[in-house]
Amino acid sequence: MKEDWTVKVEGVWRKFGVSARGALKYGIIDSARRIMGRKKDSEHLRQGEFWALQDVSFTLEPGEAIGIMGVNGSGKTTLLRVLNGTYSPDRGTITMRGQVGSLIAAGAGFSPMLSGRENIHINGLLLGLSPADVRQRFDEIVNFSGLEQFIDMPVRNYSSGMAVRLGFAIATSAAPDILLVDEVLAVGDLAFQKRCFDRMLNIRRQGTTIILVSHSVSAIWSVCDTGLFLNKGLSSGKISVSELGRRYDLQNYRNAAQTALTAEAPESAPTSARSVDDVQMLLSDLPREHGFSQGGTGDVLMKAIRVCDGQSWASRSEFEFGESIGLEMDVYVARPVPDAIFRYTIDSATYRFICNLDSAYDHGMGLVNLEPGHYIVRTLIHSPRFTPGSFDVNANICQKCFEGHLFFRHKAAPFVVRPPGDRFFYDSASPAVVHFDAEFHISQINASGQQEPPAITFSDS
């Protein structure tokens, strides 16, 4: 009995040279080996090469849609170009059954000197349509693209959005058995994107297998039923769309936290202080005005700010959604400070100062009188409702009677809130920074004006 699949990818590896010179050198060597009837060296990395894809495998059935996600440089477009035959795999095999339509780059496959009309005929023939089929579908292609006024203009004068419109209209006109789509749809306007998604869902129902690469979690969530996450060429294997969104978002949050940690390091981080006497020299070099990542009056010094586990107080950089978070200051006081206040503000990736933590009015401390010495100040954030994402802690010490900061440090410590496992925040591009635990109900008003259970069905997704 024939197996019911349209795409089978088995152990695919693909490597590239880092430099153009090295890639040209190895290309000549591999071509010479093929001329002599020998295989190219596809098993090992040569000097200056790297694996863009490593042991990628999956199988797709007719009508199945898979979303491929990963941060920049993860191998998504390389995989798509291996699938459409632009690149050959160094190892492994790819088998595709049926007609393949692809939209991988804006204007790819178009002849720029020819008009849109002429490119429709040429690309239709390349898709396997007969001249009569192209003529029959011509008006539908033009209407879908919305380029009636520009169909006789050379494609070189098209914008990227116009090229994508025409390319997608051609690629989907014949409802191919397999459709490969890269993230180029992002350049279209909202109305056209909606038409594209409607078209993809429609041809899915007709049995077309769709492979969609995108950075939009909501786009993948709306079209696909399975996912593949790539990270530095390594594949997750087929996973659920929800799990794909979580892995992609978490990788982005981690990258953002790492970038903040390296880019916002204090200009002169005080790491050598061991006693109050050691602090005096460090305080003398402290910036006395704003505009620096840290500074202050010279009365106090925060040697370190740590993000910690809310129970053990061990240093941590990642937390589950809703998990308590601990913040810890390591503080040296050089001169007496009456009515001291310890304060944090937290930044999200989108907004600054999304919340404020203040010892003067939060629980446990109030105003304190500090004598010279070494102190540890701990703050526990109980069950915060931060949405999944990357956040930064800003810390400062001030006084009730003094308007400025005795000490401040911006971007003192980043932390990440991981996506939860029991729900899927599919709209990860939203600027929202907090999540309220809400509950939704729906009822229907009947002809008598009474509420009753709605005559609708509920999806499991």
Protein backbone atom coordinates (compact mmCIF):
# COMPACT_ATOMS: atom_id res chain seq x y z
CA MET A 1 0.00 0.00 0.00
CA LYS A 2 1.28 3.46 -0.92
CA GLU A 3 2.34 5.63 1.99
CA ASP A 4 0.23 8.80 2.32
CA TRP A 5 2.85 11.55 2.38
CA THR A 6 3.89 14.41 0.11
CA VAL A 7 7.17 15.58 1.71
CA LYS A 8 9.81 13.39 3.34
CA VAL A 9 13.01 14.93 4.68
CA GLU A 10 15.52 12.40 6.03
CA GLY A 11 18.71 13.39 7.86
CA VAL A 12 19.47 16.53 5.85
CA TRP A 13 22.75 18.36 6.45
CA ARG A 14 23.97 21.46 4.59
CA LYS A 15 27.20 23.40 5.07
CA PHE A 16 28.56 26.72 3.81
CA GLY A 17 31.86 28.55 3.77
CA VAL A 18 32.18 31.57 6.03
CA SER A 19 34.04 33.65 3.43
CA ALA A 20 33.31 34.05 -0.29
CA ARG A 21 36.91 33.18 -1.12
CA GLY A 22 36.77 29.95 0.87
CA ALA A 23 33.39 29.00 -0.59
CA LEU A 24 34.72 29.55 -4.15
CA LYS A 25 37.81 27.47 -3.40
CA TYR A 26 35.81 24.51 -2.06
CA GLY A 27 33.27 24.86 -4.86
CA ILE A 28 36.03 24.43 -7.46
CA ILE A 29 37.45 21.44 -5.56
CA ASP A 30 34.02 19.78 -5.31
CA SER A 31 33.33 20.40 -9.01
CA ALA A 32 36.67 18.84 -9.93
CA ARG A 33 35.87 15.79 -7.81
CA ARG A 34 32.51 15.37 -9.57
CA ILE A 35 34.18 15.65 -13.01
CA MET A 36 36.55 12.85 -11.99
CA GLY A 37 33.63 10.73 -10.86
CA ARG A 38 34.33 11.14 -7.16
CA LYS A 39 31.95 12.38 -4.49
CA LYS A 40 32.49 15.70 -2.78
CA ASP A 41 33.54 15.74 0.89
CA SER A 42 30.15 16.08 2.56
CA GLU A 43 30.94 14.29 5.80
CA HIS A 44 33.34 16.71 7.43
CA LEU A 45 33.70 20.44 7.97
CA ARG A 46 36.70 21.89 6.22
CA GLN A 47 38.50 24.97 7.50
CA GLY A 48 36.24 28.02 7.27
CA GLU A 49 33.00 26.03 6.94
CA PHE A 50 29.99 25.65 9.25
CA TRP A 51 26.85 23.52 9.34
CA ALA A 52 23.78 25.60 8.42
CA LEU A 53 21.53 22.52 8.83
CA GLN A 54 22.23 19.46 10.96
CA ASP A 55 20.28 16.20 10.68
CA VAL A 56 16.85 17.70 9.88
CA SER A 57 14.07 15.12 9.42
CA PHE A 58 10.28 15.31 9.09
CA THR A 59 7.41 13.92 7.02
CA LEU A 60 4.28 15.78 5.89
CA GLU A 61 0.94 14.42 4.70
CA PRO A 62 -1.42 15.95 2.10
CA GLY A 63 -3.21 18.96 3.55
CA GLU A 64 -0.78 19.29 6.46
CA ALA A 65 0.73 22.72 7.20
CA ILE A 66 3.99 23.05 9.12
CA GLY A 67 5.42 26.31 10.44
CA ILE A 68 9.19 26.74 10.63
CA MET A 69 10.55 29.28 13.12
CA GLY A 70 13.90 30.30 14.54
CA VAL A 71 15.86 33.47 15.20
CA ASN A 72 17.96 35.02 12.44
CA GLY A 73 20.70 32.68 11.26
CA SER A 74 19.00 29.52 12.49
CA GLY A 75 18.73 27.90 9.03
CA LYS A 76 15.08 28.52 8.09
CA THR A 77 15.60 29.97 4.62
CA THR A 78 18.42 27.51 3.94
CA LEU A 79 16.02 24.64 4.64
CA LEU A 80 13.40 26.17 2.35
CA ARG A 81 15.94 26.60 -0.45
CA VAL A 82 17.08 23.02 -0.05
CA LEU A 83 13.44 21.96 -0.30
CA ASN A 84 12.84 23.90 -3.53
CA GLY A 85 16.09 22.67 -5.10
CA THR A 86 18.11 25.90 -4.99
CA TYR A 87 20.67 24.12 -2.78
CA SER A 88 21.47 20.43 -2.70
CA PRO A 89 21.93 18.75 0.69
CA ASP A 90 25.43 17.62 1.66
CA ARG A 91 23.91 14.63 3.42
CA GLY A 92 20.45 13.12 3.60
CA THR A 93 17.58 12.94 1.14
CA ILE A 94 14.49 14.98 0.26
CA THR A 95 11.53 13.44 -1.54
CA MET A 96 8.59 15.57 -2.70
CA ARG A 97 5.53 14.20 -4.45
CA GLY A 98 3.57 16.43 -6.78
CA GLN A 99 3.68 19.97 -8.12
CA VAL A 100 5.62 22.48 -6.00
CA GLY A 101 4.84 26.19 -5.77
CA SER A 102 7.22 28.48 -3.91
CA LEU A 103 7.46 32.08 -2.77
CA ILE A 104 10.84 32.50 -1.09
CA ALA A 105 11.97 36.04 -1.96
CA ALA A 106 10.20 39.09 -3.33
CA GLY A 107 10.51 38.96 -7.09
CA ALA A 108 12.49 35.70 -7.11
CA GLY A 109 12.06 33.94 -10.44
CA PHE A 110 10.84 37.06 -12.22
CA SER A 111 12.57 38.53 -15.27
CA PRO A 112 12.94 42.20 -14.26
CA MET A 113 12.98 43.54 -17.81
CA LEU A 114 9.69 41.83 -18.68
CA SER A 115 6.24 43.02 -17.73
CA GLY A 116 4.04 41.48 -15.08
CA ARG A 117 1.85 40.02 -17.83
CA GLU A 118 4.82 38.28 -19.47
CA ASN A 119 6.11 37.00 -16.12
CA ILE A 120 2.72 35.46 -15.35
CA HIS A 121 2.92 33.41 -18.55
CA ILE A 122 6.54 32.37 -17.98
CA ASN A 123 6.11 31.42 -14.31
CA GLY A 124 2.85 29.64 -15.05
CA LEU A 125 4.67 27.42 -17.55
CA LEU A 126 7.44 26.78 -15.02
CA LEU A 127 4.78 25.62 -12.54
CA GLY A 128 3.66 23.02 -15.06
CA LEU A 129 0.60 24.79 -16.44
CA SER A 130 -0.15 24.66 -20.12
CA PRO A 131 -0.44 27.94 -22.11
CA ALA A 132 -4.21 27.41 -22.16
CA ASP A 133 -4.30 26.97 -18.35
CA VAL A 134 -2.31 30.20 -17.88
CA ARG A 135 -4.70 32.11 -20.14
CA GLN A 136 -7.67 30.66 -18.28
CA ARG A 137 -6.26 31.70 -14.88
CA PHE A 138 -4.77 35.03 -16.00
CA ASP A 139 -7.64 37.29 -14.91
CA GLU A 140 -7.91 35.54 -11.54
CA ILE A 141 -4.15 36.01 -10.93
CA VAL A 142 -4.27 39.69 -11.81
CA ASN A 143 -7.39 40.34 -9.72
CA PHE A 144 -5.91 38.60 -6.68
CA SER A 145 -2.68 40.59 -6.95
CA GLY A 146 -4.57 43.87 -7.37
CA LEU A 147 -2.11 45.00 -10.05
CA GLU A 148 -4.55 45.63 -12.91
CA GLN A 149 -3.11 49.10 -13.56
CA PHE A 150 0.51 47.93 -13.50
CA ILE A 151 0.36 44.52 -15.18
CA ASP A 152 2.10 45.80 -18.32
CA MET A 153 4.82 47.67 -16.42
CA PRO A 154 8.32 46.08 -16.20
CA VAL A 155 8.72 44.12 -12.98
CA ARG A 156 11.96 45.98 -12.21
CA ASN A 157 9.76 49.00 -11.41
CA TYR A 158 7.61 47.05 -8.93
CA SER A 159 7.96 47.64 -5.22
CA SER A 160 8.75 44.62 -3.02
CA GLY A 161 5.10 44.52 -1.97
CA MET A 162 3.89 44.48 -5.57
CA ALA A 163 6.35 41.70 -6.45
CA VAL A 164 5.14 39.60 -3.51
CA ARG A 165 1.52 40.12 -4.52
CA LEU A 166 2.17 38.90 -8.02
CA GLY A 167 4.43 36.05 -6.91
CA PHE A 168 1.92 34.72 -4.37
CA ALA A 169 -0.96 34.99 -6.84
CA ILE A 170 0.97 32.95 -9.41
CA ALA A 171 2.30 30.37 -6.92
CA THR A 172 -1.16 29.58 -5.53
CA SER A 173 -3.22 29.92 -8.71
CA ALA A 174 -2.97 26.24 -9.61
CA ALA A 175 -3.38 24.95 -6.02
CA PRO A 176 -0.02 23.10 -6.07
CA ASP A 177 0.45 19.85 -4.17
CA ILE A 178 3.17 21.52 -2.05
CA LEU A 179 3.50 25.25 -1.30
CA LEU A 180 6.69 26.75 0.14
CA VAL A 181 6.28 30.25 1.59
CA ASP A 182 8.99 32.37 3.20
CA GLU A 183 8.34 35.37 5.45
CA VAL A 184 8.00 37.72 2.44
CA LEU A 185 4.26 38.06 3.12
CA ALA A 186 5.15 40.48 5.93
CA VAL A 187 5.70 43.26 3.36
CA GLY A 188 2.07 43.20 2.23
CA ASP A 189 -0.64 45.41 3.69
CA LEU A 190 -3.14 43.97 6.17
CA ALA A 191 -5.91 43.45 3.61
CA PHE A 192 -3.60 41.54 1.27
CA GLN A 193 -2.16 39.45 4.12
CA LYS A 194 -5.71 38.47 5.08
CA ARG A 195 -6.42 37.38 1.49
CA CYS A 196 -3.18 35.37 1.43
CA PHE A 197 -4.04 33.53 4.64
CA ASP A 198 -7.57 32.84 3.36
CA ARG A 199 -6.09 31.47 0.12
CA MET A 200 -3.63 29.23 2.00
CA LEU A 201 -6.38 27.84 4.23
CA ASN A 202 -8.54 27.22 1.18
CA ILE A 203 -5.90 25.28 -0.77
CA ARG A 204 -5.07 23.35 2.43
CA ARG A 205 -8.63 22.10 2.44
CA GLN A 206 -8.06 20.94 -1.14
CA GLY A 207 -5.08 18.83 0.00
CA THR A 208 -2.11 21.18 -0.54
CA THR A 209 0.80 20.66 1.87
CA ILE A 210 2.10 24.01 3.16
CA ILE A 211 5.54 24.80 4.56
CA LEU A 212 5.50 28.33 6.03
CA VAL A 213 8.54 30.17 7.36
CA SER A 214 7.76 33.25 9.45
CA HIS A 215 8.87 35.33 12.44
CA SER A 216 5.20 35.93 13.31
CA VAL A 217 3.94 33.50 15.94
CA SER A 218 0.34 34.53 15.24
CA ALA A 219 0.76 33.86 11.49
CA ILE A 220 2.06 30.35 12.15
CA TRP A 221 -0.66 29.77 14.75
CA SER A 222 -3.41 30.78 12.33
CA VAL A 223 -2.32 28.60 9.39
CA CYS A 224 -0.33 25.62 10.67
CA ASP A 225 -1.11 22.55 12.75
CA THR A 226 2.48 21.42 13.41
CA GLY A 227 5.81 23.20 13.84
CA LEU A 228 9.57 22.85 13.45
CA PHE A 229 11.94 24.96 15.55
CA LEU A 230 15.48 25.57 14.28
CA ASN A 231 18.36 26.84 16.40
CA LYS A 232 21.80 27.12 14.79
CA GLY A 233 20.80 24.49 12.26
CA LEU A 234 19.55 21.99 14.85
CA SER A 235 15.95 20.84 14.52
CA SER A 236 13.39 20.21 17.24
CA GLY A 237 11.56 17.66 15.10
CA LYS A 238 7.83 18.06 14.59
CA ILE A 239 6.16 19.70 17.59
CA SER A 240 2.85 21.41 18.30
CA VAL A 241 2.31 24.98 17.16
CA SER A 242 1.95 26.08 20.78
CA GLU A 243 5.30 24.53 21.70
CA LEU A 244 6.87 26.10 18.61
CA GLY A 245 5.67 29.55 19.72
CA ARG A 246 7.02 29.01 23.23
CA ARG A 247 10.46 27.91 22.02
CA TYR A 248 10.75 30.76 19.54
CA ASP A 249 9.67 33.41 22.04
CA LEU A 250 11.94 32.02 24.76
CA GLN A 251 14.96 32.09 22.42
CA ASN A 252 14.20 35.71 21.56
CA TYR A 253 13.83 36.61 25.25
CA ARG A 254 17.15 34.96 26.07
CA ASN A 255 18.91 36.76 23.23
CA ALA A 256 17.45 40.10 24.34
CA ALA A 257 18.57 39.51 27.94
CA GLN A 258 22.08 38.59 26.81
CA THR A 259 22.28 41.67 24.59
CA ALA A 260 21.18 43.88 27.48
CA LEU A 261 23.73 42.26 29.78
CA THR A 262 26.65 42.96 27.43
CA ALA A 263 25.53 46.31 26.01
CA GLU A 264 24.50 47.98 29.26
CA ALA A 265 27.38 46.92 31.52
CA PRO A 266 28.33 49.77 33.91
CA GLU A 267 31.27 51.88 32.73
CA SER A 268 33.18 51.17 35.95
CA ALA A 269 31.49 48.31 37.78
CA PRO A 270 32.60 48.28 41.44
CA THR A 271 33.77 44.69 41.89
CA SER A 272 36.90 45.10 44.01
CA ALA A 273 35.37 46.44 47.24
CA ARG A 274 35.87 44.13 50.22
CA SER A 275 35.29 46.49 53.15
CA VAL A 276 33.99 49.98 53.95
CA ASP A 277 37.57 51.31 53.70
CA ASP A 278 37.92 49.88 50.19
CA VAL A 279 34.73 51.68 49.14
CA GLN A 280 36.14 55.19 49.66
CA MET A 281 38.43 55.01 46.63
CA LEU A 282 35.65 53.62 44.43
CA LEU A 283 33.22 56.32 45.58
CA SER A 284 35.68 59.05 44.66
CA ASP A 285 35.49 57.98 40.99
CA LEU A 286 31.70 57.64 40.92
CA PRO A 287 29.91 59.90 38.37
CA ARG A 288 28.00 62.60 40.26
CA GLU A 289 25.43 63.32 37.53
CA HIS A 290 22.95 61.46 35.34
CA GLY A 291 23.80 60.35 31.84
CA PHE A 292 25.87 57.38 33.00
CA SER A 293 24.77 53.81 33.60
CA GLN A 294 25.59 54.29 37.29
CA GLY A 295 26.48 57.13 39.60
CA GLY A 296 25.59 58.88 42.84
CA THR A 297 26.61 61.29 45.58
CA GLY A 298 29.37 59.16 47.09
CA ASP A 299 27.48 58.32 50.30
CA VAL A 300 26.61 54.73 49.36
CA LEU A 301 27.65 52.14 46.84
CA MET A 302 25.80 49.12 45.44
CA LYS A 303 28.50 46.57 44.81
CA ALA A 304 26.09 44.13 43.17
CA ILE A 305 22.43 43.69 42.26
CA ARG A 306 21.23 40.14 41.75
CA VAL A 307 18.00 38.58 40.48
CA CYS A 308 17.34 35.55 42.69
CA ASP A 309 15.13 32.58 43.35
CA GLY A 310 12.26 33.70 45.56
CA GLN A 311 12.86 30.86 48.05
CA SER A 312 16.52 29.84 48.08
CA TRP A 313 17.87 33.29 47.07
CA ALA A 314 20.26 31.63 44.62
CA SER A 315 21.02 33.75 41.55
CA ARG A 316 18.72 33.07 38.60
CA SER A 317 18.09 34.62 35.22
CA GLU A 318 14.88 32.84 34.13
CA PHE A 319 11.51 32.38 35.83
CA GLU A 320 8.29 30.59 35.08
CA PHE A 321 5.20 32.65 34.32
CA GLY A 322 3.76 33.89 37.64
CA GLU A 323 6.70 32.64 39.73
CA SER A 324 7.93 34.83 42.62
CA ILE A 325 11.13 36.77 41.95
CA GLY A 326 13.77 37.87 44.44
CA LEU A 327 15.99 40.96 44.10
CA GLU A 328 19.11 41.40 46.22
CA MET A 329 21.33 44.46 46.73
CA ASP A 330 24.87 44.27 48.14
CA VAL A 331 25.28 47.75 49.69
CA TYR A 332 28.19 49.62 51.29
CA VAL A 333 27.38 52.77 53.29
CA ALA A 334 30.27 55.25 53.65
CA ARG A 335 28.50 57.98 55.66
CA PRO A 336 25.34 57.97 57.84
CA VAL A 337 22.15 58.08 55.77
CA PRO A 338 18.90 58.94 57.61
CA ASP A 339 15.52 58.02 56.09
CA ALA A 340 17.03 55.81 53.37
CA ILE A 341 14.81 54.36 50.65
CA PHE A 342 15.64 51.38 48.43
CA ARG A 343 13.89 51.48 45.09
CA TYR A 344 13.66 49.41 41.91
CA THR A 345 12.05 50.15 38.59
CA ILE A 346 11.61 47.50 35.90
CA ASP A 347 11.76 47.97 32.12
CA SER A 348 10.23 45.71 29.50
CA ALA A 349 11.44 45.35 25.93
CA THR A 350 8.76 47.88 24.92
CA TYR A 351 8.42 50.35 27.80
CA ARG A 352 10.52 51.91 30.52
CA PHE A 353 9.49 51.98 34.18
CA ILE A 354 6.54 49.60 33.89
CA CYS A 355 6.50 49.16 37.66
CA ASN A 356 8.05 50.62 40.79
CA LEU A 357 9.14 48.82 43.98
CA ASP A 358 9.78 51.11 46.93
CA SER A 359 10.83 50.22 50.48
CA ALA A 360 9.14 53.38 51.83
CA TYR A 361 5.62 52.10 51.16
CA ASP A 362 5.93 48.40 50.28
CA HIS A 363 5.91 45.83 53.07
CA GLY A 364 8.67 44.94 55.50
CA MET A 365 10.96 47.94 55.93
CA GLY A 366 9.78 51.53 55.56
CA LEU A 367 12.30 54.34 56.03
CA VAL A 368 15.58 53.21 57.65
CA ASN A 369 18.55 55.03 59.20
CA LEU A 370 21.77 53.58 57.83
CA GLU A 371 25.09 53.74 59.66
CA PRO A 372 28.39 53.12 57.84
CA GLY A 373 28.77 49.43 57.07
CA HIS A 374 27.97 46.58 54.72
CA TYR A 375 24.33 45.53 54.14
CA ILE A 376 22.32 42.99 52.17
CA VAL A 377 18.86 44.19 51.11
CA ARG A 378 16.37 41.61 49.84
CA THR A 379 13.09 42.30 48.02
CA LEU A 380 10.56 39.58 47.19
CA ILE A 381 8.07 40.14 44.35
CA HIS A 382 5.11 37.89 45.13
CA SER A 383 3.59 36.06 42.12
CA PRO A 384 4.14 38.80 39.51
CA ARG A 385 1.94 38.83 36.41
CA PHE A 386 4.60 39.84 33.90
CA THR A 387 3.81 38.58 30.41
CA PRO A 388 6.48 36.26 28.99
CA GLY A 389 9.45 38.30 27.83
CA SER A 390 12.74 39.93 28.70
CA PHE A 391 12.95 42.54 31.47
CA ASP A 392 15.61 44.80 33.01
CA VAL A 393 16.00 45.91 36.62
CA ASN A 394 17.07 49.47 37.48
CA ALA A 395 18.12 50.03 41.09
CA ASN A 396 18.70 53.10 43.23
CA ILE A 397 19.07 54.28 46.81
CA CYS A 398 17.68 57.65 47.83
CA GLN A 399 16.55 59.69 50.88
CA LYS A 400 13.23 61.15 51.89
CA CYS A 401 14.82 64.58 52.32
CA PHE A 402 16.90 64.51 49.11
CA GLU A 403 15.38 64.69 45.66
CA GLY A 404 18.28 63.03 43.84
CA HIS A 405 19.83 59.57 44.04
CA LEU A 406 22.50 58.59 46.53
CA PHE A 407 23.30 55.77 44.12
CA PHE A 408 21.72 54.54 40.87
CA ARG A 409 22.45 51.84 38.35
CA HIS A 410 20.47 51.44 35.13
CA LYS A 411 20.06 48.04 33.49
CA ALA A 412 21.52 46.48 36.61
CA ALA A 413 20.26 42.95 35.95
CA PRO A 414 18.17 41.36 33.18
CA PHE A 415 15.79 38.46 33.68
CA VAL A 416 13.46 36.39 31.50
CA VAL A 417 9.90 35.24 32.15
CA ARG A 418 9.35 31.99 30.26
CA PRO A 419 6.14 31.28 28.33
CA PRO A 420 3.74 29.16 30.42
CA GLY A 421 3.02 25.56 29.58
CA ASP A 422 -0.72 25.70 30.27
CA ARG A 423 -1.62 28.54 27.89
CA PHE A 424 -0.33 30.02 24.65
CA PHE A 425 0.37 33.73 24.31
CA TYR A 426 0.23 33.57 20.52
CA ASP A 427 0.33 37.36 20.06
CA SER A 428 3.89 37.65 21.33
CA ALA A 429 4.42 40.87 19.35
CA SER A 430 1.93 42.67 21.61
CA PRO A 431 3.41 45.51 23.70
CA ALA A 432 1.43 44.33 26.78
CA VAL A 433 3.64 43.76 29.82
CA VAL A 434 1.22 42.36 32.41
CA HIS A 435 -1.40 39.63 32.23
CA PHE A 436 -4.56 39.55 34.35
CA ASP A 437 -6.04 36.17 35.18
CA ALA A 438 -9.44 36.63 33.55
CA GLU A 439 -12.32 34.27 32.78
CA PHE A 440 -14.55 34.45 29.68
CA HIS A 441 -18.13 33.25 29.16
CA ILE A 442 -20.49 33.54 26.19
CA SER A 443 -24.26 33.31 25.96
CA GLN A 444 -26.76 33.87 23.16
CA ILE A 445 -29.87 36.06 23.25
CA ASN A 446 -32.92 34.20 21.90
CA ALA A 447 -36.02 35.67 20.24
CA SER A 448 -37.61 36.24 23.66
CA GLY A 449 -34.65 38.30 24.81
CA GLN A 450 -33.44 35.57 27.20
CA GLN A 451 -29.87 34.36 27.56
CA GLU A 452 -29.18 30.72 26.74
CA PRO A 453 -26.13 28.56 25.83
CA PRO A 454 -24.90 29.56 22.37
CA ALA A 455 -25.46 27.33 19.35
CA ILE A 456 -21.77 27.41 18.43
CA THR A 457 -18.89 24.97 18.59
CA PHE A 458 -15.62 25.48 20.45
CA SER A 459 -12.25 24.69 18.92
CA ASP A 460 -9.60 22.76 20.81
CA SER A 461 -6.80 25.05 19.54
